[in-house]
């Protein structure tokens, strides 16, 4: 588990890693609008996406399938959510996203996503 934490830390600390996470999140439809900002600044135009090969598309399809799967934990959280205050309901949403991302880890690890493409 320490190795996984190290890989995640390394992935999230680099700009390339964050771009990969954003690309996967975008492909999975996780581009949630940010709330709470009084006057959000307009975001710059995104860079042109790199061309996707068949393996990348297959990985994204597999990841989307795993991500959207329901399990007993997420079903329970969704059932309890209406009974919480708005702040706790947001925490439930965060917990559901974390559980979904944890289900993605084996798929991404098996695909070589964490090895990166630049000499690593």
PDB file of N, CA and C in Angstrom:
ATOM      1  N   UNK A   1       0.823  -1.191   0.000  1.00  0.00           N
ATOM      2  CA  UNK A   1       0.000   0.000   0.000  1.00  0.00           C
ATOM      3  C   UNK A   1       0.866   1.253   0.000  1.00  0.00           C
ATOM      4  N   UNK A   2       2.051   1.185   0.628  1.00  0.00           N
ATOM      5  CA  UNK A   2       2.948   2.332   0.612  1.00  0.00           C
ATOM      6  C   UNK A   2       3.402   2.639  -0.798  1.00  0.00           C
ATOM      7  N   UNK A   3       3.617   1.579  -1.596  1.00  0.00           N
ATOM      8  CA  UNK A   3       4.046   1.766  -2.973  1.00  0.00           C
ATOM      9  C   UNK A   3       2.962   2.498  -3.772  1.00  0.00           C
ATOM     10  N   UNK A   4       1.711   2.126  -3.538  1.00  0.00           N
ATOM     11  CA  UNK A   4       0.603   2.783  -4.226  1.00  0.00           C
ATOM     12  C   UNK A   4       0.508   4.243  -3.815  1.00  0.00           C
ATOM     13  N   UNK A   5       0.658   4.505  -2.514  1.00  0.00           N
ATOM     14  CA  UNK A   5       0.616   5.885  -2.037  1.00  0.00           C
ATOM     15  C   UNK A   5       1.752   6.700  -2.655  1.00  0.00           C
ATOM     16  N   UNK A   6       2.920   6.102  -2.779  1.00  0.00           N
ATOM     17  CA  UNK A   6       4.041   6.795  -3.401  1.00  0.00           C
ATOM     18  C   UNK A   6       3.779   7.105  -4.864  1.00  0.00           C
ATOM     19  N   UNK A   7       3.181   6.135  -5.572  1.00  0.00           N
ATOM     20  CA  UNK A   7       2.866   6.359  -6.987  1.00  0.00           C
ATOM     21  C   UNK A   7       1.833   7.471  -7.137  1.00  0.00           C
ATOM     22  N   UNK A   8       0.808   7.455  -6.283  1.00  0.00           N
ATOM     23  CA  UNK A   8      -0.208   8.508  -6.355  1.00  0.00           C
ATOM     24  C   UNK A   8       0.385   9.869  -6.036  1.00  0.00           C
ATOM     25  N   UNK A   9       1.246   9.908  -5.013  1.00  0.00           N
ATOM     26  CA  UNK A   9       1.885  11.166  -4.648  1.00  0.00           C
ATOM     27  C   UNK A   9       2.732  11.695  -5.798  1.00  0.00           C
ATOM     28  N   UNK A  10       3.498  10.810  -6.422  1.00  0.00           N
ATOM     29  CA  UNK A  10       4.340  11.217  -7.541  1.00  0.00           C
ATOM     30  C   UNK A  10       3.478  11.683  -8.720  1.00  0.00           C
ATOM     31  N   UNK A  11       2.383  10.968  -8.971  1.00  0.00           N
ATOM     32  CA  UNK A  11       1.499  11.317 -10.071  1.00  0.00           C
ATOM     33  C   UNK A  11       0.877  12.692  -9.853  1.00  0.00           C
ATOM     34  N   UNK A  12       0.415  12.946  -8.628  1.00  0.00           N
ATOM     35  CA  UNK A  12      -0.281  14.192  -8.346  1.00  0.00           C
ATOM     36  C   UNK A  12       0.655  15.372  -8.162  1.00  0.00           C
ATOM     37  N   UNK A  13       1.941  15.118  -7.934  1.00  0.00           N
ATOM     38  CA  UNK A  13       2.870  16.220  -7.720  1.00  0.00           C
ATOM     39  C   UNK A  13       3.460  16.751  -9.029  1.00  0.00           C
ATOM     40  N   UNK A  14       3.273  16.030 -10.118  1.00  0.00           N
ATOM     41  CA  UNK A  14       3.827  16.499 -11.389  1.00  0.00           C
ATOM     42  C   UNK A  14       2.726  17.071 -12.267  1.00  0.00           C
ATOM     43  N   UNK A  15       3.084  18.038 -13.075  1.00  0.00           N
ATOM     44  CA  UNK A  15       2.115  18.653 -13.980  1.00  0.00           C
ATOM     45  C   UNK A  15       1.615  17.637 -15.003  1.00  0.00           C
ATOM     46  N   UNK A  16       2.517  16.791 -15.518  1.00  0.00           N
ATOM     47  CA  UNK A  16       2.114  15.750 -16.461  1.00  0.00           C
ATOM     48  C   UNK A  16       1.118  14.798 -15.822  1.00  0.00           C
ATOM     49  N   UNK A  17       1.400  14.419 -14.587  1.00  0.00           N
ATOM     50  CA  UNK A  17       0.508  13.509 -13.871  1.00  0.00           C
ATOM     51  C   UNK A  17      -0.868  14.117 -13.681  1.00  0.00           C
ATOM     52  N   UNK A  18      -0.900  15.387 -13.299  1.00  0.00           N
ATOM     53  CA  UNK A  18      -2.189  16.051 -13.113  1.00  0.00           C
ATOM     54  C   UNK A  18      -2.943  16.155 -14.441  1.00  0.00           C
ATOM     55  N   UNK A  19      -2.222  16.385 -15.522  1.00  0.00           N
ATOM     56  CA  UNK A  19      -2.874  16.434 -16.836  1.00  0.00           C
ATOM     57  C   UNK A  19      -3.469  15.082 -17.189  1.00  0.00           C
ATOM     58  N   UNK A  20      -2.762  13.985 -16.840  1.00  0.00           N
ATOM     59  CA  UNK A  20      -3.298  12.654 -17.093  1.00  0.00           C
ATOM     60  C   UNK A  20      -4.557  12.416 -16.278  1.00  0.00           C
ATOM     61  N   UNK A  21      -4.530  12.818 -15.007  1.00  0.00           N
ATOM     62  CA  UNK A  21      -5.705  12.648 -14.146  1.00  0.00           C
ATOM     63  C   UNK A  21      -6.870  13.464 -14.692  1.00  0.00           C
ATOM     64  N   UNK A  22      -6.596  14.692 -15.105  1.00  0.00           N
ATOM     65  CA  UNK A  22      -7.665  15.525 -15.668  1.00  0.00           C
ATOM     66  C   UNK A  22      -8.234  14.911 -16.942  1.00  0.00           C
ATOM     67  N   UNK A  23      -7.359  14.349 -17.773  1.00  0.00           N
ATOM     68  CA  UNK A  23      -7.825  13.734 -19.022  1.00  0.00           C
ATOM     69  C   UNK A  23      -8.719  12.537 -18.730  1.00  0.00           C
ATOM     70  N   UNK A  24      -8.326  11.709 -17.771  1.00  0.00           N
ATOM     71  CA  UNK A  24      -9.153  10.552 -17.421  1.00  0.00           C
ATOM     72  C   UNK A  24     -10.471  11.016 -16.811  1.00  0.00           C
ATOM     73  N   UNK A  25     -10.415  11.999 -15.928  1.00  0.00           N
ATOM     74  CA  UNK A  25     -11.632  12.513 -15.303  1.00  0.00           C
ATOM     75  C   UNK A  25     -12.565  13.097 -16.361  1.00  0.00           C
ATOM     76  N   UNK A  26     -12.011  13.823 -17.304  1.00  0.00           N
ATOM     77  CA  UNK A  26     -12.815  14.409 -18.369  1.00  0.00           C
ATOM     78  C   UNK A  26     -13.451  13.316 -19.221  1.00  0.00           C
ATOM     79  N   UNK A  27     -12.674  12.278 -19.535  1.00  0.00           N
ATOM     80  CA  UNK A  27     -13.200  11.189 -20.345  1.00  0.00           C
ATOM     81  C   UNK A  27     -14.308  10.435 -19.623  1.00  0.00           C
ATOM     82  N   UNK A  28     -14.243  10.419 -18.296  1.00  0.00           N
ATOM     83  CA  UNK A  28     -15.263   9.724 -17.514  1.00  0.00           C
ATOM     84  C   UNK A  28     -16.439  10.625 -17.164  1.00  0.00           C
ATOM     85  N   UNK A  29     -16.400  11.874 -17.599  1.00  0.00           N
ATOM     86  CA  UNK A  29     -17.499  12.787 -17.342  1.00  0.00           C
ATOM     87  C   UNK A  29     -17.486  13.364 -15.942  1.00  0.00           C
ATOM     88  N   UNK A  30     -16.299  13.528 -15.363  1.00  0.00           N
ATOM     89  CA  UNK A  30     -16.191  14.032 -14.002  1.00  0.00           C
ATOM     90  C   UNK A  30     -15.873  15.507 -13.951  1.00  0.00           C
ATOM     91  N   UNK A  31     -16.096  16.228 -15.021  1.00  0.00           N
ATOM     92  CA  UNK A  31     -15.811  17.654 -15.042  1.00  0.00           C
ATOM     93  C   UNK A  31     -16.917  18.386 -14.301  1.00  0.00           C
ATOM     94  N   UNK A  32     -16.899  18.328 -12.982  1.00  0.00           N
ATOM     95  CA  UNK A  32     -17.921  18.993 -12.184  1.00  0.00           C
ATOM     96  C   UNK A  32     -17.582  20.469 -12.074  1.00  0.00           C
ATOM     97  N   UNK A  33     -18.571  21.347 -12.227  1.00  0.00           N
ATOM     98  CA  UNK A  33     -18.281  22.773 -12.084  1.00  0.00           C
ATOM     99  C   UNK A  33     -17.906  23.078 -10.640  1.00  0.00           C
ATOM    100  N   UNK A  34     -16.957  23.964 -10.461  1.00  0.00           N
ATOM    101  CA  UNK A  34     -16.520  24.360  -9.129  1.00  0.00           C
ATOM    102  C   UNK A  34     -17.535  25.333  -8.561  1.00  0.00           C
ATOM    103  N   UNK A  35     -17.939  25.094  -7.313  1.00  0.00           N
ATOM    104  CA  UNK A  35     -18.889  25.984  -6.670  1.00  0.00           C
ATOM    105  C   UNK A  35     -18.215  26.688  -5.525  1.00  0.00           C
ATOM    106  N   UNK A  36     -18.808  27.764  -5.085  1.00  0.00           N
ATOM    107  CA  UNK A  36     -18.294  28.479  -3.935  1.00  0.00           C
ATOM    108  C   UNK A  36     -17.435  29.671  -4.298  1.00  0.00           C
ATOM    109  N   UNK A  37     -17.007  29.809  -5.512  1.00  0.00           N
ATOM    110  CA  UNK A  37     -16.190  30.954  -5.905  1.00  0.00           C
ATOM    111  C   UNK A  37     -17.120  32.112  -6.228  1.00  0.00           C
ATOM    112  N   UNK A  38     -16.801  33.286  -5.680  1.00  0.00           N
ATOM    113  CA  UNK A  38     -17.655  34.452  -5.890  1.00  0.00           C
ATOM    114  C   UNK A  38     -17.641  34.888  -7.348  1.00  0.00           C
ATOM    115  N   UNK A  39     -16.467  35.115  -7.892  1.00  0.00           N
ATOM    116  CA  UNK A  39     -16.314  35.511  -9.281  1.00  0.00           C
ATOM    117  C   UNK A  39     -15.270  34.615  -9.931  1.00  0.00           C
ATOM    118  N   UNK A  40     -15.685  33.467 -10.437  1.00  0.00           N
ATOM    119  CA  UNK A  40     -14.690  32.590 -11.027  1.00  0.00           C
ATOM    120  C   UNK A  40     -14.079  33.210 -12.277  1.00  0.00           C
ATOM    121  N   UNK A  41     -12.779  33.113 -12.380  1.00  0.00           N
ATOM    122  CA  UNK A  41     -12.084  33.640 -13.548  1.00  0.00           C
ATOM    123  C   UNK A  41     -12.333  32.710 -14.728  1.00  0.00           C
ATOM    124  N   UNK A  42     -12.455  33.272 -15.913  1.00  0.00           N
ATOM    125  CA  UNK A  42     -12.648  32.403 -17.071  1.00  0.00           C
ATOM    126  C   UNK A  42     -11.424  31.519 -17.259  1.00  0.00           C
ATOM    127  N   UNK A  43     -11.680  30.253 -17.520  1.00  0.00           N
ATOM    128  CA  UNK A  43     -10.563  29.329 -17.678  1.00  0.00           C
ATOM    129  C   UNK A  43      -9.968  29.484 -19.079  1.00  0.00           C
ATOM    130  N   UNK A  44      -8.659  29.325 -19.187  1.00  0.00           N
ATOM    131  CA  UNK A  44      -8.026  29.424 -20.501  1.00  0.00           C
ATOM    132  C   UNK A  44      -8.463  28.263 -21.379  1.00  0.00           C
ATOM    133  N   UNK A  45      -8.336  28.464 -22.668  1.00  0.00           N
ATOM    134  CA  UNK A  45      -8.707  27.406 -23.610  1.00  0.00           C
ATOM    135  C   UNK A  45      -7.834  26.186 -23.364  1.00  0.00           C
ATOM    136  N   UNK A  46      -8.439  24.995 -23.311  1.00  0.00           N
ATOM    137  CA  UNK A  46      -7.642  23.792 -23.064  1.00  0.00           C
ATOM    138  C   UNK A  46      -6.744  23.504 -24.253  1.00  0.00           C
ATOM    139  N   UNK A  47      -5.599  22.873 -23.995  1.00  0.00           N
ATOM    140  CA  UNK A  47      -4.712  22.528 -25.108  1.00  0.00           C
ATOM    141  C   UNK A  47      -5.362  21.455 -25.970  1.00  0.00           C
ATOM    142  N   UNK A  48      -4.916  21.374 -27.208  1.00  0.00           N
ATOM    143  CA  UNK A  48      -5.443  20.347 -28.099  1.00  0.00           C
ATOM    144  C   UNK A  48      -5.151  18.979 -27.501  1.00  0.00           C
ATOM    145  N   UNK A  49      -6.173  18.104 -27.435  1.00  0.00           N
ATOM    146  CA  UNK A  49      -5.934  16.787 -26.860  1.00  0.00           C
ATOM    147  C   UNK A  49      -5.046  15.955 -27.775  1.00  0.00           C
ATOM    148  N   UNK A  50      -4.238  15.080 -27.171  1.00  0.00           N
ATOM    149  CA  UNK A  50      -3.400  14.213 -28.011  1.00  0.00           C
ATOM    150  C   UNK A  50      -4.264  13.191 -28.721  1.00  0.00           C
ATOM    151  N   UNK A  51      -3.826  12.689 -29.862  1.00  0.00           N
ATOM    152  CA  UNK A  51      -4.623  11.682 -30.554  1.00  0.00           C
ATOM    153  C   UNK A  51      -4.717  10.411 -29.706  1.00  0.00           C
ATOM    154  N   UNK A  52      -5.883   9.794 -29.723  1.00  0.00           N
ATOM    155  CA  UNK A  52      -6.097   8.586 -28.934  1.00  0.00           C
ATOM    156  C   UNK A  52      -5.950   7.367 -29.818  1.00  0.00           C
ATOM    157  N   UNK A  53      -5.154   6.406 -29.355  1.00  0.00           N
ATOM    158  CA  UNK A  53      -5.023   5.169 -30.108  1.00  0.00           C
ATOM    159  C   UNK A  53      -6.058   4.170 -29.584  1.00  0.00           C
ATOM    160  N   UNK A  54      -6.118   3.003 -30.213  1.00  0.00           N
ATOM    161  CA  UNK A  54      -7.121   1.997 -29.856  1.00  0.00           C
ATOM    162  C   UNK A  54      -6.945   1.519 -28.419  1.00  0.00           C
ATOM    163  N   UNK A  55      -5.703   1.365 -27.963  1.00  0.00           N
ATOM    164  CA  UNK A  55      -5.464   0.903 -26.594  1.00  0.00           C
ATOM    165  C   UNK A  55      -5.967   1.919 -25.572  1.00  0.00           C
ATOM    166  N   UNK A  56      -5.759   3.192 -25.848  1.00  0.00           N
ATOM    167  CA  UNK A  56      -6.225   4.231 -24.936  1.00  0.00           C
ATOM    168  C   UNK A  56      -7.740   4.259 -24.890  1.00  0.00           C
ATOM    169  N   UNK A  57      -8.372   4.138 -26.041  1.00  0.00           N
ATOM    170  CA  UNK A  57      -9.833   4.119 -26.078  1.00  0.00           C
ATOM    171  C   UNK A  57     -10.380   2.901 -25.333  1.00  0.00           C
ATOM    172  N   UNK A  58      -9.732   1.757 -25.493  1.00  0.00           N
ATOM    173  CA  UNK A  58     -10.160   0.560 -24.784  1.00  0.00           C
ATOM    174  C   UNK A  58     -10.012   0.745 -23.282  1.00  0.00           C
ATOM    175  N   UNK A  59      -8.904   1.342 -22.850  1.00  0.00           N
ATOM    176  CA  UNK A  59      -8.684   1.609 -21.436  1.00  0.00           C
ATOM    177  C   UNK A  59      -9.753   2.550 -20.897  1.00  0.00           C
ATOM    178  N   UNK A  60     -10.065   3.605 -21.629  1.00  0.00           N
ATOM    179  CA  UNK A  60     -11.084   4.557 -21.195  1.00  0.00           C
ATOM    180  C   UNK A  60     -12.456   3.894 -21.106  1.00  0.00           C
ATOM    181  N   UNK A  61     -12.764   3.029 -22.065  1.00  0.00           N
ATOM    182  CA  UNK A  61     -14.043   2.329 -22.028  1.00  0.00           C
ATOM    183  C   UNK A  61     -14.111   1.404 -20.818  1.00  0.00           C
ATOM    184  N   UNK A  62     -13.034   0.677 -20.569  1.00  0.00           N
ATOM    185  CA  UNK A  62     -12.994  -0.230 -19.422  1.00  0.00           C
ATOM    186  C   UNK A  62     -13.076   0.563 -18.116  1.00  0.00           C
ATOM    187  N   UNK A  63     -12.355   1.666 -18.049  1.00  0.00           N
ATOM    188  CA  UNK A  63     -12.364   2.486 -16.836  1.00  0.00           C
ATOM    189  C   UNK A  63     -13.755   3.073 -16.600  1.00  0.00           C
ATOM    190  N   UNK A  64     -14.408   3.514 -17.652  1.00  0.00           N
ATOM    191  CA  UNK A  64     -15.756   4.071 -17.498  1.00  0.00           C
ATOM    192  C   UNK A  64     -16.727   3.013 -16.997  1.00  0.00           C
ATOM    193  N   UNK A  65     -16.594   1.802 -17.493  1.00  0.00           N
ATOM    194  CA  UNK A  65     -17.459   0.717 -17.023  1.00  0.00           C
ATOM    195  C   UNK A  65     -17.246   0.416 -15.553  1.00  0.00           C
ATOM    196  N   UNK A  66     -15.999   0.353 -15.135  1.00  0.00           N
ATOM    197  CA  UNK A  66     -15.686   0.089 -13.728  1.00  0.00           C
ATOM    198  C   UNK A  66     -16.146   1.250 -12.864  1.00  0.00           C
ATOM    199  N   UNK A  67     -15.942   2.454 -13.343  1.00  0.00           N
ATOM    200  CA  UNK A  67     -16.279   3.647 -12.583  1.00  0.00           C
ATOM    201  C   UNK A  67     -17.782   3.746 -12.322  1.00  0.00           C
ATOM    202  N   UNK A  68     -18.573   3.382 -13.300  1.00  0.00           N
ATOM    203  CA  UNK A  68     -20.019   3.541 -13.185  1.00  0.00           C
ATOM    204  C   UNK A  68     -20.704   2.381 -12.466  1.00  0.00           C
ATOM    205  N   UNK A  69     -19.963   1.322 -12.158  1.00  0.00           N
ATOM    206  CA  UNK A  69     -20.551   0.191 -11.451  1.00  0.00           C
ATOM    207  C   UNK A  69     -20.991   0.619 -10.057  1.00  0.00           C
ATOM    208  N   UNK A  70     -22.141   0.147  -9.662  1.00  0.00           N
ATOM    209  CA  UNK A  70     -22.604   0.374  -8.299  1.00  0.00           C
ATOM    210  C   UNK A  70     -22.203  -0.831  -7.455  1.00  0.00           C
ATOM    211  N   UNK A  71     -21.944  -0.575  -6.197  1.00  0.00           N
ATOM    212  CA  UNK A  71     -21.711  -1.656  -5.262  1.00  0.00           C
ATOM    213  C   UNK A  71     -22.494  -1.349  -3.999  1.00  0.00           C
ATOM    214  N   UNK A  72     -22.437  -2.242  -3.040  1.00  0.00           N
ATOM    215  CA  UNK A  72     -23.227  -2.078  -1.819  1.00  0.00           C
ATOM    216  C   UNK A  72     -22.845  -0.801  -1.076  1.00  0.00           C
ATOM    217  N   UNK A  73     -21.570  -0.442  -1.088  1.00  0.00           N
ATOM    218  CA  UNK A  73     -21.122   0.749  -0.359  1.00  0.00           C
ATOM    219  C   UNK A  73     -21.683   2.035  -0.968  1.00  0.00           C
ATOM    220  N   UNK A  74     -21.577   2.169  -2.280  1.00  0.00           N
ATOM    221  CA  UNK A  74     -22.096   3.384  -2.910  1.00  0.00           C
ATOM    222  C   UNK A  74     -23.617   3.429  -2.851  1.00  0.00           C
ATOM    223  N   UNK A  75     -24.267   2.256  -2.972  1.00  0.00           N
ATOM    224  CA  UNK A  75     -25.730   2.220  -2.849  1.00  0.00           C
ATOM    225  C   UNK A  75     -26.169   2.678  -1.461  1.00  0.00           C
ATOM    226  N   UNK A  76     -25.455   2.219  -0.436  1.00  0.00           N
ATOM    227  CA  UNK A  76     -25.789   2.625   0.930  1.00  0.00           C
ATOM    228  C   UNK A  76     -25.603   4.129   1.118  1.00  0.00           C
ATOM    229  N   UNK A  77     -24.481   4.654   0.633  1.00  0.00           N
ATOM    230  CA  UNK A  77     -24.234   6.088   0.774  1.00  0.00           C
ATOM    231  C   UNK A  77     -25.295   6.916   0.055  1.00  0.00           C
ATOM    232  N   UNK A  78     -25.677   6.475  -1.140  1.00  0.00           N
ATOM    233  CA  UNK A  78     -26.713   7.207  -1.882  1.00  0.00           C
ATOM    234  C   UNK A  78     -28.066   7.140  -1.170  1.00  0.00           C
ATOM    235  N   UNK A  79     -28.347   6.014  -0.529  1.00  0.00           N
ATOM    236  CA  UNK A  79     -29.611   5.885   0.193  1.00  0.00           C
ATOM    237  C   UNK A  79     -29.635   6.770   1.437  1.00  0.00           C
ATOM    238  N   UNK A  80     -28.488   6.937   2.079  1.00  0.00           N
ATOM    239  CA  UNK A  80     -28.419   7.743   3.299  1.00  0.00           C
ATOM    240  C   UNK A  80     -28.330   9.244   3.023  1.00  0.00           C
ATOM    241  N   UNK A  81     -27.854   9.604   1.864  1.00  0.00           N
ATOM    242  CA  UNK A  81     -27.577  11.005   1.538  1.00  0.00           C
ATOM    243  C   UNK A  81     -28.745  11.963   1.789  1.00  0.00           C
ATOM    244  N   UNK A  82     -29.987  11.624   1.438  1.00  0.00           N
ATOM    245  CA  UNK A  82     -31.089  12.577   1.666  1.00  0.00           C
ATOM    246  C   UNK A  82     -31.342  12.890   3.145  1.00  0.00           C
ATOM    247  N   UNK A  83     -30.810  12.082   4.026  1.00  0.00           N
ATOM    248  CA  UNK A  83     -31.053  12.276   5.451  1.00  0.00           C
ATOM    249  C   UNK A  83     -29.996  13.150   6.123  1.00  0.00           C
ATOM    250  N   UNK A  84     -29.026  13.632   5.358  1.00  0.00           N
ATOM    251  CA  UNK A  84     -27.940  14.429   5.910  1.00  0.00           C
ATOM    252  C   UNK A  84     -28.137  15.907   5.586  1.00  0.00           C
ATOM    253  N   UNK A  85     -27.423  16.733   6.346  1.00  0.00           N
ATOM    254  CA  UNK A  85     -27.400  18.164   6.051  1.00  0.00           C
ATOM    255  C   UNK A  85     -26.682  18.377   4.718  1.00  0.00           C
ATOM    256  N   UNK A  86     -26.846  19.555   4.115  1.00  0.00           N
ATOM    257  CA  UNK A  86     -26.174  19.813   2.827  1.00  0.00           C
ATOM    258  C   UNK A  86     -24.653  19.616   2.893  1.00  0.00           C
ATOM    259  N   UNK A  87     -24.034  20.035   3.988  1.00  0.00           N
ATOM    260  CA  UNK A  87     -22.571  19.863   4.113  1.00  0.00           C
ATOM    261  C   UNK A  87     -22.203  18.380   4.148  1.00  0.00           C
ATOM    262  N   UNK A  88     -22.927  17.616   4.918  1.00  0.00           N
ATOM    263  CA  UNK A  88     -22.632  16.179   4.993  1.00  0.00           C
ATOM    264  C   UNK A  88     -23.000  15.478   3.689  1.00  0.00           C
ATOM    265  N   UNK A  89     -24.016  15.962   2.998  1.00  0.00           N
ATOM    266  CA  UNK A  89     -24.370  15.376   1.699  1.00  0.00           C
ATOM    267  C   UNK A  89     -23.229  15.578   0.705  1.00  0.00           C
ATOM    268  N   UNK A  90     -22.564  16.738   0.773  1.00  0.00           N
ATOM    269  CA  UNK A  90     -21.390  16.956  -0.090  1.00  0.00           C
ATOM    270  C   UNK A  90     -20.272  15.984   0.272  1.00  0.00           C
ATOM    271  N   UNK A  91     -20.125  15.717   1.553  1.00  0.00           N
ATOM    272  CA  UNK A  91     -19.108  14.743   1.986  1.00  0.00           C
ATOM    273  C   UNK A  91     -19.451  13.342   1.492  1.00  0.00           C
ATOM    274  N   UNK A  92     -20.733  13.018   1.470  1.00  0.00           N
ATOM    275  CA  UNK A  92     -21.155  11.720   0.938  1.00  0.00           C
ATOM    276  C   UNK A  92     -20.793  11.640  -0.542  1.00  0.00           C
ATOM    277  N   UNK A  93     -21.053  12.717  -1.287  1.00  0.00           N
ATOM    278  CA  UNK A  93     -20.666  12.741  -2.709  1.00  0.00           C
ATOM    279  C   UNK A  93     -19.167  12.525  -2.865  1.00  0.00           C
ATOM    280  N   UNK A  94     -18.377  13.181  -2.014  1.00  0.00           N
ATOM    281  CA  UNK A  94     -16.924  13.009  -2.062  1.00  0.00           C
ATOM    282  C   UNK A  94     -16.532  11.570  -1.763  1.00  0.00           C
ATOM    283  N   UNK A  95     -17.183  10.973  -0.777  1.00  0.00           N
ATOM    284  CA  UNK A  95     -16.881   9.585  -0.417  1.00  0.00           C
ATOM    285  C   UNK A  95     -17.220   8.633  -1.572  1.00  0.00           C
ATOM    286  N   UNK A  96     -18.329   8.896  -2.243  1.00  0.00           N
ATOM    287  CA  UNK A  96     -18.709   8.068  -3.389  1.00  0.00           C
ATOM    288  C   UNK A  96     -17.665   8.187  -4.495  1.00  0.00           C
ATOM    289  N   UNK A  97     -17.194   9.410  -4.766  1.00  0.00           N
ATOM    290  CA  UNK A  97     -16.162   9.601  -5.792  1.00  0.00           C
ATOM    291  C   UNK A  97     -14.870   8.879  -5.421  1.00  0.00           C
ATOM    292  N   UNK A  98     -14.522   8.934  -4.144  1.00  0.00           N
ATOM    293  CA  UNK A  98     -13.307   8.250  -3.695  1.00  0.00           C
ATOM    294  C   UNK A  98     -13.452   6.745  -3.893  1.00  0.00           C
ATOM    295  N   UNK A  99     -14.607   6.190  -3.535  1.00  0.00           N
ATOM    296  CA  UNK A  99     -14.824   4.756  -3.734  1.00  0.00           C
ATOM    297  C   UNK A  99     -14.754   4.396  -5.220  1.00  0.00           C
ATOM    298  N   UNK A 100     -15.310   5.253  -6.062  1.00  0.00           N
ATOM    299  CA  UNK A 100     -15.261   4.990  -7.499  1.00  0.00           C
ATOM    300  C   UNK A 100     -13.820   5.033  -8.006  1.00  0.00           C
ATOM    301  N   UNK A 101     -13.052   6.003  -7.534  1.00  0.00           N
ATOM    302  CA  UNK A 101     -11.647   6.095  -7.960  1.00  0.00           C
ATOM    303  C   UNK A 101     -10.842   4.901  -7.460  1.00  0.00           C
ATOM    304  N   UNK A 102     -11.145   4.434  -6.265  1.00  0.00           N
ATOM    305  CA  UNK A 102     -10.441   3.260  -5.745  1.00  0.00           C
ATOM    306  C   UNK A 102     -10.727   2.022  -6.596  1.00  0.00           C
ATOM    307  N   UNK A 103     -11.936   1.933  -7.133  1.00  0.00           N
ATOM    308  CA  UNK A 103     -12.250   0.810  -8.022  1.00  0.00           C
ATOM    309  C   UNK A 103     -11.486   0.924  -9.336  1.00  0.00           C
ATOM    310  N   UNK A 104     -11.091   2.142  -9.714  1.00  0.00           N
ATOM    311  CA  UNK A 104     -10.333   2.343 -10.954  1.00  0.00           C
ATOM    312  C   UNK A 104      -8.863   1.955 -10.819  1.00  0.00           C
ATOM    313  N   UNK A 105      -8.321   2.014  -9.616  1.00  0.00           N
ATOM    314  CA  UNK A 105      -6.884   1.780  -9.437  1.00  0.00           C
ATOM    315  C   UNK A 105      -6.383   0.475 -10.043  1.00  0.00           C
ATOM    316  N   UNK A 106      -7.037  -0.666  -9.812  1.00  0.00           N
ATOM    317  CA  UNK A 106      -6.520  -1.902 -10.423  1.00  0.00           C
ATOM    318  C   UNK A 106      -6.506  -1.852 -11.944  1.00  0.00           C
ATOM    319  N   UNK A 107      -7.511  -1.223 -12.536  1.00  0.00           N
ATOM    320  CA  UNK A 107      -7.570  -1.120 -13.998  1.00  0.00           C
ATOM    321  C   UNK A 107      -6.418  -0.253 -14.503  1.00  0.00           C
ATOM    322  N   UNK A 108      -6.202   0.887 -13.866  1.00  0.00           N
ATOM    323  CA  UNK A 108      -5.144   1.796 -14.301  1.00  0.00           C
ATOM    324  C   UNK A 108      -3.761   1.195 -14.053  1.00  0.00           C
ATOM    325  N   UNK A 109      -3.595   0.502 -12.945  1.00  0.00           N
ATOM    326  CA  UNK A 109      -2.305  -0.124 -12.648  1.00  0.00           C
ATOM    327  C   UNK A 109      -1.998  -1.211 -13.668  1.00  0.00           C
ATOM    328  N   UNK A 110      -2.989  -2.068 -13.967  1.00  0.00           N
ATOM    329  CA  UNK A 110      -2.786  -3.152 -14.929  1.00  0.00           C
ATOM    330  C   UNK A 110      -2.500  -2.623 -16.331  1.00  0.00           C
ATOM    331  N   UNK A 111      -3.021  -1.440 -16.641  1.00  0.00           N
ATOM    332  CA  UNK A 111      -2.827  -0.887 -17.980  1.00  0.00           C
ATOM    333  C   UNK A 111      -1.462  -0.223 -18.150  1.00  0.00           C
ATOM    334  N   UNK A 112      -0.756   0.002 -17.050  1.00  0.00           N
ATOM    335  CA  UNK A 112       0.528   0.684 -17.137  1.00  0.00           C
ATOM    336  C   UNK A 112       0.398   2.185 -17.046  1.00  0.00           C
ATOM    337  N   UNK A 113      -0.746   2.679 -16.645  1.00  0.00           N
ATOM    338  CA  UNK A 113      -0.994   4.120 -16.565  1.00  0.00           C
ATOM    339  C   UNK A 113      -0.008   4.805 -15.634  1.00  0.00           C
ATOM    340  N   UNK A 114       0.350   4.166 -14.531  1.00  0.00           N
ATOM    341  CA  UNK A 114       1.226   4.799 -13.549  1.00  0.00           C
ATOM    342  C   UNK A 114       2.700   4.737 -13.929  1.00  0.00           C
ATOM    343  N   UNK A 115       3.034   3.929 -14.920  1.00  0.00           N
ATOM    344  CA  UNK A 115       4.429   3.882 -15.367  1.00  0.00           C
ATOM    345  C   UNK A 115       4.798   5.121 -16.171  1.00  0.00           C
ATOM    346  N   UNK A 116       3.828   5.739 -16.785  1.00  0.00           N
ATOM    347  CA  UNK A 116       4.081   6.947 -17.579  1.00  0.00           C
ATOM    348  C   UNK A 116       4.753   6.601 -18.885  1.00  0.00           C
ATOM    349  N   UNK A 117       4.861   7.589 -19.751  1.00  0.00           N
ATOM    350  CA  UNK A 117       5.421   7.341 -21.066  1.00  0.00           C
ATOM    351  C   UNK A 117       6.778   7.965 -21.282  1.00  0.00           C
ATOM    352  N   UNK A 118       7.310   8.719 -20.304  1.00  0.00           N
ATOM    353  CA  UNK A 118       8.565   9.430 -20.548  1.00  0.00           C
ATOM    354  C   UNK A 118       9.680   8.877 -19.675  1.00  0.00           C
ATOM    355  N   UNK A 119      10.206   7.721 -20.090  1.00  0.00           N
ATOM    356  CA  UNK A 119      11.396   7.168 -19.439  1.00  0.00           C
ATOM    357  C   UNK A 119      11.168   6.641 -18.054  1.00  0.00           C
ATOM    358  N   UNK A 120       9.919   6.378 -17.595  1.00  0.00           N
ATOM    359  CA  UNK A 120       9.704   5.952 -16.236  1.00  0.00           C
ATOM    360  C   UNK A 120       9.250   4.616 -16.135  1.00  0.00           C
TER     361      UNK A 120
END
